[in-house]
Amino acid sequence: MLKRLFDIVLSIIGLIIASPFLLITALVINRKLGSPVIFTQLRPGLHGRPFHVYKFRTMTDERDENGELLPDAMRLPKTGKIIRKLSLDELPQLVNVLKGDLSLVGPRPLLMEYLPLYTPEQARRHEVRPGITGWAQVNGRNAISWEDKFTLDVWYVDHQSLLLDLKILFMTVFKVFRSEGISQDGQATMEKFKGTKKEEGTAHD
């Protein structure tokens, strides 16, 4: 209950402080990328229950001759890169926090298609409410492997506290200013998770 109250109070304060940035970012996206300005996607929340996450749109909808979306790197224009670098695309998720879909701090909500790929240990990341930022985000973000990221997520599940959340929030501010770990080497963001290899303990073929 204390964590939920913490989330509500800080997300309201955050929305008030960020309102000029929300407006400016929305106007820039509408001008440069068109509408819709907000990107929504179904993601797994607490205990894997699905919810719609809100983010500012950063990529175009360009497709090839077969109607398939082009690779992320080809659909991520300069405007989108800047918005991601400054983490402005994450600001609408403060609304998700108010709704109770997200916490300010917790394992990042990933894709629904990943759910059957997790090992039992990796799936423990869903034992807590997902967050806008988390222990994995301040310890490498997209620059570390999926397995390392999940290990950090589960560590958070086992060690969560209000003090740790405050530490992560402060670390997040510094990470945003330093633009660290935004993308994986050779990727526009990060390569899709395809399951942990057999030799690492599980089989998901």
N, C-alpha and C. Protein backbone atom coordinates (compact mmCIF):
# COMPACT_ATOMS: atom_id res chain seq x y z
N MET A 1 0.83 -1.20 0.00
CA MET A 1 0.00 0.00 0.00
C MET A 1 0.87 1.26 0.00
N LEU A 2 1.99 1.21 0.75
CA LEU A 2 2.89 2.36 0.79
C LEU A 2 3.51 2.61 -0.58
N LYS A 3 3.89 1.53 -1.27
CA LYS A 3 4.47 1.65 -2.61
C LYS A 3 3.45 2.24 -3.58
N ARG A 4 2.20 1.81 -3.48
CA ARG A 4 1.16 2.31 -4.37
C ARG A 4 0.92 3.79 -4.12
N LEU A 5 0.88 4.20 -2.86
CA LEU A 5 0.70 5.61 -2.52
C LEU A 5 1.88 6.43 -3.05
N PHE A 6 3.07 5.88 -2.90
CA PHE A 6 4.29 6.50 -3.41
C PHE A 6 4.18 6.71 -4.92
N ASP A 7 3.70 5.68 -5.63
CA ASP A 7 3.54 5.76 -7.08
C ASP A 7 2.55 6.85 -7.48
N ILE A 8 1.41 6.89 -6.79
CA ILE A 8 0.35 7.84 -7.14
C ILE A 8 0.82 9.28 -6.94
N VAL A 9 1.41 9.54 -5.78
CA VAL A 9 1.86 10.90 -5.46
C VAL A 9 2.94 11.36 -6.44
N LEU A 10 3.95 10.53 -6.65
CA LEU A 10 5.05 10.94 -7.53
C LEU A 10 4.62 11.03 -8.99
N SER A 11 3.71 10.17 -9.44
CA SER A 11 3.26 10.23 -10.83
C SER A 11 2.43 11.49 -11.09
N ILE A 12 1.64 11.90 -10.10
CA ILE A 12 0.88 13.16 -10.24
C ILE A 12 1.83 14.34 -10.31
N ILE A 13 2.81 14.36 -9.40
CA ILE A 13 3.82 15.43 -9.42
C ILE A 13 4.58 15.40 -10.74
N GLY A 14 4.93 14.18 -11.18
CA GLY A 14 5.66 14.04 -12.44
C GLY A 14 4.88 14.56 -13.63
N LEU A 15 3.58 14.26 -13.69
CA LEU A 15 2.75 14.73 -14.81
C LEU A 15 2.64 16.25 -14.82
N ILE A 16 2.55 16.84 -13.62
CA ILE A 16 2.46 18.30 -13.54
C ILE A 16 3.76 18.94 -14.03
N ILE A 17 4.89 18.43 -13.53
CA ILE A 17 6.19 18.98 -13.92
C ILE A 17 6.48 18.74 -15.40
N ALA A 18 6.08 17.55 -15.88
CA ALA A 18 6.41 17.17 -17.26
C ALA A 18 5.40 17.68 -18.29
N SER A 19 4.33 18.31 -17.85
CA SER A 19 3.27 18.71 -18.78
C SER A 19 3.78 19.55 -19.96
N PRO A 20 4.71 20.52 -19.76
CA PRO A 20 5.22 21.26 -20.93
C PRO A 20 5.97 20.35 -21.90
N PHE A 21 6.73 19.39 -21.36
CA PHE A 21 7.48 18.46 -22.21
C PHE A 21 6.53 17.52 -22.95
N LEU A 22 5.47 17.12 -22.28
CA LEU A 22 4.46 16.26 -22.92
C LEU A 22 3.82 16.99 -24.11
N LEU A 23 3.46 18.25 -23.91
CA LEU A 23 2.83 19.03 -24.96
C LEU A 23 3.78 19.26 -26.13
N ILE A 24 5.00 19.69 -25.83
CA ILE A 24 5.97 19.96 -26.89
C ILE A 24 6.31 18.71 -27.67
N THR A 25 6.51 17.59 -26.95
CA THR A 25 6.84 16.33 -27.61
C THR A 25 5.70 15.89 -28.51
N ALA A 26 4.47 16.03 -28.03
CA ALA A 26 3.30 15.64 -28.83
C ALA A 26 3.21 16.47 -30.11
N LEU A 27 3.47 17.77 -30.00
CA LEU A 27 3.41 18.65 -31.17
C LEU A 27 4.50 18.30 -32.18
N VAL A 28 5.70 18.01 -31.68
CA VAL A 28 6.81 17.65 -32.57
C VAL A 28 6.51 16.34 -33.30
N ILE A 29 6.00 15.35 -32.57
CA ILE A 29 5.69 14.06 -33.18
C ILE A 29 4.60 14.21 -34.23
N ASN A 30 3.57 15.00 -33.92
CA ASN A 30 2.48 15.20 -34.86
C ASN A 30 2.98 15.86 -36.15
N ARG A 31 3.93 16.77 -36.00
CA ARG A 31 4.47 17.48 -37.16
C ARG A 31 5.43 16.61 -37.97
N LYS A 32 6.29 15.88 -37.28
CA LYS A 32 7.34 15.12 -37.96
C LYS A 32 6.92 13.71 -38.36
N LEU A 33 6.11 13.05 -37.51
CA LEU A 33 5.74 11.66 -37.77
C LEU A 33 4.26 11.48 -38.09
N GLY A 34 3.47 12.49 -37.81
CA GLY A 34 2.04 12.36 -38.05
C GLY A 34 1.33 11.73 -36.86
N SER A 35 0.09 11.39 -37.07
CA SER A 35 -0.69 10.77 -36.00
C SER A 35 -0.80 9.25 -36.25
N PRO A 36 -1.07 8.47 -35.22
CA PRO A 36 -1.32 8.90 -33.84
C PRO A 36 -0.03 9.29 -33.14
N VAL A 37 -0.15 10.18 -32.17
CA VAL A 37 1.01 10.64 -31.41
C VAL A 37 1.39 9.61 -30.35
N ILE A 38 0.36 8.98 -29.77
CA ILE A 38 0.58 7.99 -28.72
C ILE A 38 0.56 6.58 -29.32
N PHE A 39 1.56 5.81 -28.96
CA PHE A 39 1.67 4.41 -29.38
C PHE A 39 1.19 3.55 -28.21
N THR A 40 0.25 2.65 -28.48
CA THR A 40 -0.24 1.74 -27.44
C THR A 40 0.04 0.30 -27.85
N GLN A 41 0.36 -0.52 -26.87
CA GLN A 41 0.66 -1.92 -27.15
C GLN A 41 0.29 -2.76 -25.93
N LEU A 42 -0.21 -3.97 -26.19
CA LEU A 42 -0.56 -4.87 -25.11
C LEU A 42 0.71 -5.45 -24.50
N ARG A 43 0.84 -5.33 -23.19
CA ARG A 43 2.01 -5.85 -22.47
C ARG A 43 1.54 -6.63 -21.24
N PRO A 44 2.35 -7.58 -20.76
CA PRO A 44 1.98 -8.31 -19.55
C PRO A 44 2.30 -7.51 -18.29
N GLY A 45 1.33 -7.45 -17.38
CA GLY A 45 1.53 -6.73 -16.14
C GLY A 45 1.74 -7.68 -14.97
N LEU A 46 1.24 -7.30 -13.81
CA LEU A 46 1.37 -8.11 -12.60
C LEU A 46 0.75 -9.49 -12.84
N HIS A 47 1.52 -10.54 -12.55
CA HIS A 47 1.10 -11.93 -12.76
C HIS A 47 0.79 -12.23 -14.23
N GLY A 48 1.35 -11.42 -15.13
CA GLY A 48 1.19 -11.66 -16.56
C GLY A 48 -0.11 -11.15 -17.13
N ARG A 49 -0.93 -10.46 -16.32
CA ARG A 49 -2.21 -9.96 -16.85
C ARG A 49 -1.95 -8.84 -17.84
N PRO A 50 -2.58 -8.90 -19.02
CA PRO A 50 -2.30 -7.89 -20.07
C PRO A 50 -2.91 -6.53 -19.79
N PHE A 51 -2.23 -5.50 -20.24
CA PHE A 51 -2.73 -4.12 -20.17
C PHE A 51 -2.13 -3.36 -21.35
N HIS A 52 -2.70 -2.22 -21.66
CA HIS A 52 -2.19 -1.39 -22.76
C HIS A 52 -1.23 -0.34 -22.21
N VAL A 53 0.03 -0.42 -22.66
CA VAL A 53 1.03 0.55 -22.24
C VAL A 53 1.01 1.72 -23.20
N TYR A 54 1.23 2.93 -22.66
CA TYR A 54 1.23 4.15 -23.46
C TYR A 54 2.65 4.67 -23.62
N LYS A 55 3.02 5.00 -24.86
CA LYS A 55 4.32 5.61 -25.13
C LYS A 55 4.15 6.62 -26.26
N PHE A 56 5.03 7.60 -26.30
CA PHE A 56 5.03 8.48 -27.46
C PHE A 56 5.58 7.71 -28.65
N ARG A 57 4.97 7.93 -29.78
CA ARG A 57 5.40 7.27 -31.02
C ARG A 57 6.78 7.80 -31.43
N THR A 58 7.68 6.89 -31.82
CA THR A 58 9.02 7.31 -32.25
C THR A 58 9.39 6.76 -33.63
N MET A 59 8.59 5.84 -34.17
CA MET A 59 8.91 5.24 -35.46
C MET A 59 7.81 5.47 -36.48
N THR A 60 8.18 5.44 -37.73
CA THR A 60 7.21 5.58 -38.82
C THR A 60 6.55 4.22 -39.09
N ASP A 61 5.57 4.21 -39.98
CA ASP A 61 4.89 2.97 -40.35
C ASP A 61 5.28 2.51 -41.75
N GLU A 62 6.50 2.84 -42.16
CA GLU A 62 6.95 2.49 -43.51
C GLU A 62 6.99 0.98 -43.70
N ARG A 63 6.51 0.53 -44.87
CA ARG A 63 6.45 -0.90 -45.18
C ARG A 63 7.12 -1.20 -46.51
N ASP A 64 7.46 -2.48 -46.71
CA ASP A 64 8.08 -2.88 -47.97
C ASP A 64 7.00 -3.18 -49.01
N GLU A 65 7.42 -3.70 -50.16
CA GLU A 65 6.47 -3.95 -51.25
C GLU A 65 5.46 -5.04 -50.91
N ASN A 66 5.75 -5.85 -49.90
CA ASN A 66 4.82 -6.90 -49.47
C ASN A 66 3.91 -6.47 -48.33
N GLY A 67 4.02 -5.22 -47.96
CA GLY A 67 3.17 -4.71 -46.90
C GLY A 67 3.70 -4.98 -45.50
N GLU A 68 4.93 -5.52 -45.40
CA GLU A 68 5.52 -5.81 -44.09
C GLU A 68 6.28 -4.58 -43.58
N LEU A 69 6.20 -4.36 -42.27
CA LEU A 69 6.92 -3.24 -41.69
C LEU A 69 8.43 -3.38 -41.92
N LEU A 70 9.08 -2.29 -42.25
CA LEU A 70 10.52 -2.30 -42.43
C LEU A 70 11.20 -2.51 -41.06
N PRO A 71 12.47 -2.93 -41.06
CA PRO A 71 13.20 -3.10 -39.79
C PRO A 71 13.18 -1.81 -38.96
N ASP A 72 13.26 -1.96 -37.63
CA ASP A 72 13.20 -0.81 -36.72
C ASP A 72 14.18 0.28 -37.11
N ALA A 73 15.42 -0.10 -37.46
CA ALA A 73 16.45 0.89 -37.77
C ALA A 73 16.06 1.77 -38.96
N MET A 74 15.27 1.23 -39.87
CA MET A 74 14.85 1.98 -41.06
C MET A 74 13.62 2.84 -40.78
N ARG A 75 12.94 2.55 -39.69
CA ARG A 75 11.72 3.30 -39.35
C ARG A 75 11.93 4.28 -38.20
N LEU A 76 13.17 4.36 -37.73
CA LEU A 76 13.48 5.24 -36.60
C LEU A 76 14.18 6.50 -37.11
N PRO A 77 13.44 7.58 -37.35
CA PRO A 77 14.04 8.81 -37.87
C PRO A 77 14.80 9.57 -36.78
N LYS A 78 15.45 10.63 -37.18
CA LYS A 78 16.24 11.43 -36.25
C LYS A 78 15.40 11.94 -35.09
N THR A 79 14.19 12.38 -35.41
CA THR A 79 13.29 12.87 -34.36
C THR A 79 13.03 11.79 -33.31
N GLY A 80 12.76 10.57 -33.79
CA GLY A 80 12.51 9.46 -32.87
C GLY A 80 13.71 9.13 -32.03
N LYS A 81 14.90 9.20 -32.63
CA LYS A 81 16.14 8.91 -31.90
C LYS A 81 16.34 9.90 -30.76
N ILE A 82 16.07 11.18 -31.03
CA ILE A 82 16.23 12.21 -30.00
C ILE A 82 15.24 11.99 -28.86
N ILE A 83 13.99 11.68 -29.22
CA ILE A 83 12.96 11.45 -28.20
C ILE A 83 13.34 10.27 -27.31
N ARG A 84 13.88 9.21 -27.92
CA ARG A 84 14.31 8.04 -27.15
C ARG A 84 15.54 8.35 -26.31
N LYS A 85 16.47 9.10 -26.88
CA LYS A 85 17.69 9.45 -26.16
C LYS A 85 17.38 10.19 -24.88
N LEU A 86 16.37 11.07 -24.94
CA LEU A 86 15.96 11.86 -23.77
C LEU A 86 14.92 11.13 -22.92
N SER A 87 14.52 9.91 -23.36
CA SER A 87 13.50 9.10 -22.66
C SER A 87 12.15 9.81 -22.58
N LEU A 88 11.90 10.75 -23.50
CA LEU A 88 10.61 11.44 -23.50
C LEU A 88 9.48 10.51 -23.92
N ASP A 89 9.80 9.45 -24.66
CA ASP A 89 8.76 8.52 -25.11
C ASP A 89 8.12 7.78 -23.95
N GLU A 90 8.80 7.75 -22.79
CA GLU A 90 8.29 7.01 -21.63
C GLU A 90 7.30 7.84 -20.79
N LEU A 91 7.27 9.16 -20.98
CA LEU A 91 6.46 10.02 -20.11
C LEU A 91 4.98 9.66 -20.05
N PRO A 92 4.32 9.27 -21.16
CA PRO A 92 2.90 8.91 -21.06
C PRO A 92 2.62 7.74 -20.13
N GLN A 93 3.65 6.97 -19.79
CA GLN A 93 3.45 5.83 -18.90
C GLN A 93 3.14 6.26 -17.47
N LEU A 94 3.32 7.54 -17.16
CA LEU A 94 2.89 8.05 -15.86
C LEU A 94 1.38 7.88 -15.70
N VAL A 95 0.65 7.91 -16.83
CA VAL A 95 -0.79 7.65 -16.79
C VAL A 95 -1.05 6.19 -16.44
N ASN A 96 -0.21 5.28 -16.98
CA ASN A 96 -0.31 3.87 -16.62
C ASN A 96 -0.08 3.65 -15.13
N VAL A 97 0.81 4.45 -14.56
CA VAL A 97 1.08 4.34 -13.12
C VAL A 97 -0.15 4.77 -12.33
N LEU A 98 -0.78 5.86 -12.72
CA LEU A 98 -1.98 6.33 -12.04
C LEU A 98 -3.11 5.30 -12.12
N LYS A 99 -3.20 4.63 -13.27
CA LYS A 99 -4.24 3.61 -13.46
C LYS A 99 -3.95 2.33 -12.68
N GLY A 100 -2.70 2.15 -12.25
CA GLY A 100 -2.35 0.94 -11.52
C GLY A 100 -1.79 -0.16 -12.39
N ASP A 101 -1.60 0.12 -13.68
CA ASP A 101 -1.00 -0.88 -14.59
C ASP A 101 0.48 -1.04 -14.30
N LEU A 102 1.13 0.09 -14.02
CA LEU A 102 2.58 0.13 -13.80
C LEU A 102 2.89 0.70 -12.42
N SER A 103 4.11 0.44 -11.99
CA SER A 103 4.69 1.14 -10.85
C SER A 103 5.77 2.04 -11.42
N LEU A 104 6.24 2.99 -10.64
CA LEU A 104 7.36 3.80 -11.11
C LEU A 104 8.60 2.93 -11.29
N VAL A 105 8.78 1.97 -10.37
CA VAL A 105 9.94 1.09 -10.40
C VAL A 105 9.51 -0.36 -10.40
N GLY A 106 10.11 -1.13 -11.29
CA GLY A 106 9.81 -2.56 -11.40
C GLY A 106 10.38 -3.09 -12.70
N PRO A 107 10.33 -4.37 -12.93
CA PRO A 107 10.81 -4.93 -14.21
C PRO A 107 10.02 -4.33 -15.37
N ARG A 108 10.70 -3.97 -16.44
CA ARG A 108 10.02 -3.37 -17.58
C ARG A 108 9.04 -4.36 -18.20
N PRO A 109 7.84 -3.90 -18.58
CA PRO A 109 6.88 -4.79 -19.26
C PRO A 109 7.34 -5.04 -20.69
N LEU A 110 7.51 -6.27 -21.05
CA LEU A 110 8.02 -6.63 -22.37
C LEU A 110 6.86 -7.06 -23.28
N LEU A 111 7.14 -7.87 -24.28
CA LEU A 111 6.11 -8.28 -25.22
C LEU A 111 5.34 -9.49 -24.73
N MET A 112 4.06 -9.56 -25.08
CA MET A 112 3.23 -10.70 -24.70
C MET A 112 3.80 -12.00 -25.27
N GLU A 113 4.40 -11.90 -26.45
CA GLU A 113 4.91 -13.10 -27.11
C GLU A 113 6.09 -13.75 -26.37
N TYR A 114 6.68 -13.01 -25.42
CA TYR A 114 7.80 -13.56 -24.66
C TYR A 114 7.35 -14.49 -23.52
N LEU A 115 6.09 -14.38 -23.10
CA LEU A 115 5.62 -15.11 -21.92
C LEU A 115 5.94 -16.61 -21.96
N PRO A 116 5.68 -17.33 -23.07
CA PRO A 116 5.98 -18.76 -23.07
C PRO A 116 7.46 -19.09 -23.20
N LEU A 117 8.31 -18.07 -23.41
CA LEU A 117 9.74 -18.30 -23.60
C LEU A 117 10.54 -18.24 -22.30
N TYR A 118 9.94 -17.69 -21.25
CA TYR A 118 10.67 -17.55 -20.00
C TYR A 118 10.89 -18.89 -19.30
N THR A 119 12.02 -19.00 -18.62
CA THR A 119 12.21 -20.12 -17.70
C THR A 119 11.36 -19.82 -16.47
N PRO A 120 11.08 -20.81 -15.61
CA PRO A 120 10.32 -20.53 -14.38
C PRO A 120 10.95 -19.42 -13.54
N GLU A 121 12.29 -19.39 -13.50
CA GLU A 121 12.96 -18.35 -12.72
C GLU A 121 12.79 -16.98 -13.37
N GLN A 122 12.93 -16.91 -14.69
CA GLN A 122 12.77 -15.64 -15.39
C GLN A 122 11.33 -15.12 -15.27
N ALA A 123 10.37 -16.03 -15.24
CA ALA A 123 8.95 -15.65 -15.15
C ALA A 123 8.62 -15.00 -13.82
N ARG A 124 9.49 -15.13 -12.84
CA ARG A 124 9.27 -14.52 -11.53
C ARG A 124 9.27 -12.99 -11.61
N ARG A 125 9.76 -12.46 -12.70
CA ARG A 125 9.76 -11.00 -12.88
C ARG A 125 8.34 -10.45 -12.86
N HIS A 126 7.34 -11.34 -13.09
CA HIS A 126 5.95 -10.91 -13.09
C HIS A 126 5.29 -11.02 -11.72
N GLU A 127 6.07 -11.34 -10.70
CA GLU A 127 5.52 -11.42 -9.34
C GLU A 127 5.28 -10.04 -8.74
N VAL A 128 5.82 -9.02 -9.38
CA VAL A 128 5.59 -7.64 -8.94
C VAL A 128 5.05 -6.84 -10.11
N ARG A 129 4.48 -5.69 -9.80
CA ARG A 129 3.99 -4.81 -10.85
C ARG A 129 5.16 -4.31 -11.70
N PRO A 130 5.04 -4.31 -13.02
CA PRO A 130 6.13 -3.79 -13.87
C PRO A 130 6.30 -2.30 -13.66
N GLY A 131 7.45 -1.77 -14.11
CA GLY A 131 7.73 -0.37 -13.86
C GLY A 131 8.20 0.40 -15.08
N ILE A 132 8.19 1.73 -14.94
CA ILE A 132 8.73 2.60 -15.98
C ILE A 132 10.24 2.44 -16.05
N THR A 133 10.86 2.31 -14.89
CA THR A 133 12.29 2.05 -14.81
C THR A 133 12.50 0.92 -13.82
N GLY A 134 13.70 0.34 -13.82
CA GLY A 134 13.94 -0.79 -12.94
C GLY A 134 15.42 -1.03 -12.71
N TRP A 135 15.71 -2.05 -11.93
CA TRP A 135 17.09 -2.38 -11.57
C TRP A 135 17.90 -2.73 -12.82
N ALA A 136 17.29 -3.42 -13.77
CA ALA A 136 17.99 -3.75 -15.02
C ALA A 136 18.26 -2.51 -15.85
N GLN A 137 17.35 -1.53 -15.80
CA GLN A 137 17.51 -0.33 -16.61
C GLN A 137 18.68 0.54 -16.11
N VAL A 138 18.93 0.52 -14.81
CA VAL A 138 20.04 1.34 -14.29
C VAL A 138 21.34 0.54 -14.21
N ASN A 139 21.28 -0.70 -14.65
CA ASN A 139 22.48 -1.54 -14.67
C ASN A 139 22.77 -2.10 -16.06
N GLY A 140 22.51 -1.28 -17.06
CA GLY A 140 22.85 -1.69 -18.42
C GLY A 140 21.77 -1.45 -19.45
N ARG A 141 20.49 -1.47 -19.04
CA ARG A 141 19.38 -1.22 -19.94
C ARG A 141 19.44 -2.16 -21.15
N ASN A 142 19.50 -1.63 -22.35
CA ASN A 142 19.54 -2.47 -23.56
C ASN A 142 20.93 -2.90 -23.98
N ALA A 143 21.95 -2.49 -23.22
CA ALA A 143 23.32 -2.84 -23.58
C ALA A 143 23.76 -4.17 -22.99
N ILE A 144 22.90 -4.80 -22.17
CA ILE A 144 23.23 -6.10 -21.58
C ILE A 144 22.36 -7.18 -22.21
N SER A 145 22.74 -8.44 -21.98
CA SER A 145 21.99 -9.55 -22.58
C SER A 145 20.63 -9.71 -21.91
N TRP A 146 19.74 -10.41 -22.59
CA TRP A 146 18.42 -10.70 -22.02
C TRP A 146 18.56 -11.47 -20.71
N GLU A 147 19.44 -12.46 -20.69
CA GLU A 147 19.61 -13.29 -19.50
C GLU A 147 20.07 -12.45 -18.31
N ASP A 148 21.01 -11.55 -18.55
CA ASP A 148 21.48 -10.67 -17.47
C ASP A 148 20.36 -9.75 -17.00
N LYS A 149 19.58 -9.27 -17.96
CA LYS A 149 18.48 -8.38 -17.63
C LYS A 149 17.45 -9.10 -16.74
N PHE A 150 17.12 -10.34 -17.08
CA PHE A 150 16.15 -11.08 -16.29
C PHE A 150 16.68 -11.42 -14.90
N THR A 151 17.98 -11.70 -14.82
CA THR A 151 18.61 -11.96 -13.52
C THR A 151 18.48 -10.74 -12.62
N LEU A 152 18.70 -9.56 -13.18
CA LEU A 152 18.56 -8.32 -12.43
C LEU A 152 17.11 -8.07 -12.04
N ASP A 153 16.18 -8.40 -12.92
CA ASP A 153 14.75 -8.24 -12.61
C ASP A 153 14.35 -9.10 -11.42
N VAL A 154 14.78 -10.35 -11.42
CA VAL A 154 14.43 -11.27 -10.33
C VAL A 154 15.11 -10.85 -9.04
N TRP A 155 16.33 -10.32 -9.14
CA TRP A 155 17.01 -9.79 -7.96
C TRP A 155 16.16 -8.69 -7.33
N TYR A 156 15.59 -7.82 -8.17
CA TYR A 156 14.73 -6.75 -7.66
C TYR A 156 13.51 -7.32 -6.96
N VAL A 157 12.91 -8.34 -7.55
CA VAL A 157 11.73 -8.97 -6.94
C VAL A 157 12.05 -9.43 -5.52
N ASP A 158 13.23 -9.99 -5.32
CA ASP A 158 13.63 -10.54 -4.02
C ASP A 158 14.12 -9.48 -3.04
N HIS A 159 14.46 -8.29 -3.53
CA HIS A 159 15.06 -7.28 -2.66
C HIS A 159 14.30 -5.95 -2.67
N GLN A 160 13.11 -5.91 -3.23
CA GLN A 160 12.41 -4.64 -3.38
C GLN A 160 12.13 -3.99 -2.03
N SER A 161 12.27 -2.67 -2.04
CA SER A 161 11.97 -1.86 -0.87
C SER A 161 11.80 -0.42 -1.34
N LEU A 162 11.22 0.40 -0.51
CA LEU A 162 11.02 1.81 -0.87
C LEU A 162 12.37 2.51 -1.02
N LEU A 163 13.32 2.14 -0.18
CA LEU A 163 14.66 2.73 -0.26
C LEU A 163 15.34 2.36 -1.57
N LEU A 164 15.19 1.10 -1.98
CA LEU A 164 15.77 0.66 -3.26
C LEU A 164 15.10 1.38 -4.42
N ASP A 165 13.78 1.57 -4.35
CA ASP A 165 13.07 2.29 -5.41
C ASP A 165 13.59 3.71 -5.55
N LEU A 166 13.81 4.37 -4.41
CA LEU A 166 14.35 5.74 -4.45
C LEU A 166 15.73 5.76 -5.09
N LYS A 167 16.55 4.78 -4.74
CA LYS A 167 17.88 4.68 -5.32
C LYS A 167 17.80 4.51 -6.83
N ILE A 168 16.90 3.64 -7.29
CA ILE A 168 16.74 3.39 -8.73
C ILE A 168 16.26 4.64 -9.46
N LEU A 169 15.33 5.37 -8.84
CA LEU A 169 14.82 6.58 -9.46
C LEU A 169 15.93 7.62 -9.62
N PHE A 170 16.76 7.79 -8.60
CA PHE A 170 17.87 8.74 -8.69
C PHE A 170 18.89 8.28 -9.74
N MET A 171 19.17 6.98 -9.78
CA MET A 171 20.10 6.45 -10.77
C MET A 171 19.56 6.63 -12.18
N THR A 172 18.24 6.51 -12.33
CA THR A 172 17.60 6.66 -13.63
C THR A 172 17.82 8.06 -14.19
N VAL A 173 17.69 9.07 -13.31
CA VAL A 173 17.89 10.46 -13.74
C VAL A 173 19.28 10.65 -14.33
N PHE A 174 20.29 10.10 -13.66
CA PHE A 174 21.66 10.22 -14.16
C PHE A 174 21.84 9.44 -15.46
N LYS A 175 21.21 8.28 -15.57
CA LYS A 175 21.33 7.48 -16.79
C LYS A 175 20.70 8.21 -17.97
N VAL A 176 19.57 8.88 -17.74
CA VAL A 176 18.90 9.61 -18.81
C VAL A 176 19.79 10.75 -19.30
N PHE A 177 20.36 11.51 -18.38
CA PHE A 177 21.23 12.64 -18.76
C PHE A 177 22.47 12.16 -19.50
N ARG A 178 22.96 10.96 -19.15
CA ARG A 178 24.16 10.44 -19.80
C ARG A 178 23.84 9.59 -21.02
N SER A 179 22.53 9.35 -21.27
CA SER A 179 22.06 8.59 -22.44
C SER A 179 22.75 7.24 -22.55
N GLU A 180 22.81 6.51 -21.45
CA GLU A 180 23.50 5.22 -21.43
C GLU A 180 22.55 4.05 -21.72
N GLY A 181 23.05 3.06 -22.47
CA GLY A 181 22.34 1.81 -22.66
C GLY A 181 21.06 1.89 -23.45
N ILE A 182 20.92 2.91 -24.29
CA ILE A 182 19.67 3.09 -25.05
C ILE A 182 19.45 1.97 -26.04
N SER A 183 20.52 1.51 -26.67
CA SER A 183 20.38 0.45 -27.67
C SER A 183 21.47 -0.59 -27.52
N GLN A 184 21.18 -1.77 -28.07
CA GLN A 184 22.15 -2.85 -28.10
C GLN A 184 23.07 -2.63 -29.29
N ASP A 185 24.32 -3.06 -29.19
CA ASP A 185 25.26 -2.89 -30.30
C ASP A 185 24.69 -3.50 -31.58
N GLY A 186 24.66 -2.69 -32.65
CA GLY A 186 24.19 -3.18 -33.93
C GLY A 186 22.68 -3.19 -34.10
N GLN A 187 21.95 -2.67 -33.10
CA GLN A 187 20.49 -2.68 -33.15
C GLN A 187 19.96 -1.26 -32.92
N ALA A 188 18.75 -1.00 -33.48
CA ALA A 188 18.12 0.29 -33.23
C ALA A 188 17.68 0.39 -31.78
N THR A 189 17.23 -0.72 -31.21
CA THR A 189 16.88 -0.76 -29.79
C THR A 189 17.55 -2.00 -29.18
N MET A 190 16.86 -3.16 -29.27
CA MET A 190 17.45 -4.40 -28.80
C MET A 190 16.85 -5.57 -29.58
N GLU A 191 17.66 -6.57 -29.84
CA GLU A 191 17.20 -7.74 -30.57
C GLU A 191 16.12 -8.45 -29.78
N LYS A 192 15.15 -9.04 -30.48
CA LYS A 192 14.06 -9.73 -29.80
C LYS A 192 14.55 -10.92 -28.99
N PHE A 193 13.88 -11.17 -27.86
CA PHE A 193 14.20 -12.33 -27.03
C PHE A 193 13.65 -13.58 -27.71
N LYS A 194 14.48 -14.61 -27.84
CA LYS A 194 14.08 -15.84 -28.52
C LYS A 194 14.11 -17.06 -27.60
N GLY A 195 14.25 -16.81 -26.31
CA GLY A 195 14.30 -17.91 -25.35
C GLY A 195 15.73 -18.18 -24.93
N THR A 196 15.90 -18.67 -23.71
CA THR A 196 17.22 -18.99 -23.21
C THR A 196 17.70 -20.29 -23.84
N LYS A 197 18.97 -20.33 -24.21
CA LYS A 197 19.53 -21.51 -24.87
C LYS A 197 19.50 -22.73 -23.96
N LYS A 198 19.45 -23.92 -24.58
CA LYS A 198 19.38 -25.16 -23.82
C LYS A 198 20.54 -25.32 -22.86
N GLU A 199 21.73 -24.98 -23.33
CA GLU A 199 22.89 -25.18 -22.47
C GLU A 199 22.90 -24.26 -21.27
N GLU A 200 22.00 -23.23 -21.28
CA GLU A 200 21.92 -22.34 -20.15
C GLU A 200 20.82 -22.79 -19.19
N GLY A 201 20.20 -23.95 -19.51
CA GLY A 201 19.30 -24.52 -18.52
C GLY A 201 17.89 -24.82 -18.96
N THR A 202 17.47 -24.33 -20.15
CA THR A 202 16.09 -24.58 -20.56
C THR A 202 16.02 -24.81 -22.06
N ALA A 203 14.88 -25.36 -22.49
CA ALA A 203 14.64 -25.55 -23.91
C ALA A 203 13.31 -24.90 -24.26
N HIS A 204 13.34 -24.05 -25.29
CA HIS A 204 12.12 -23.37 -25.71
C HIS A 204 11.97 -23.42 -27.20
N ASP A 205 12.34 -24.53 -27.85
CA ASP A 205 12.23 -24.64 -29.30
C ASP A 205 10.76 -24.81 -29.70
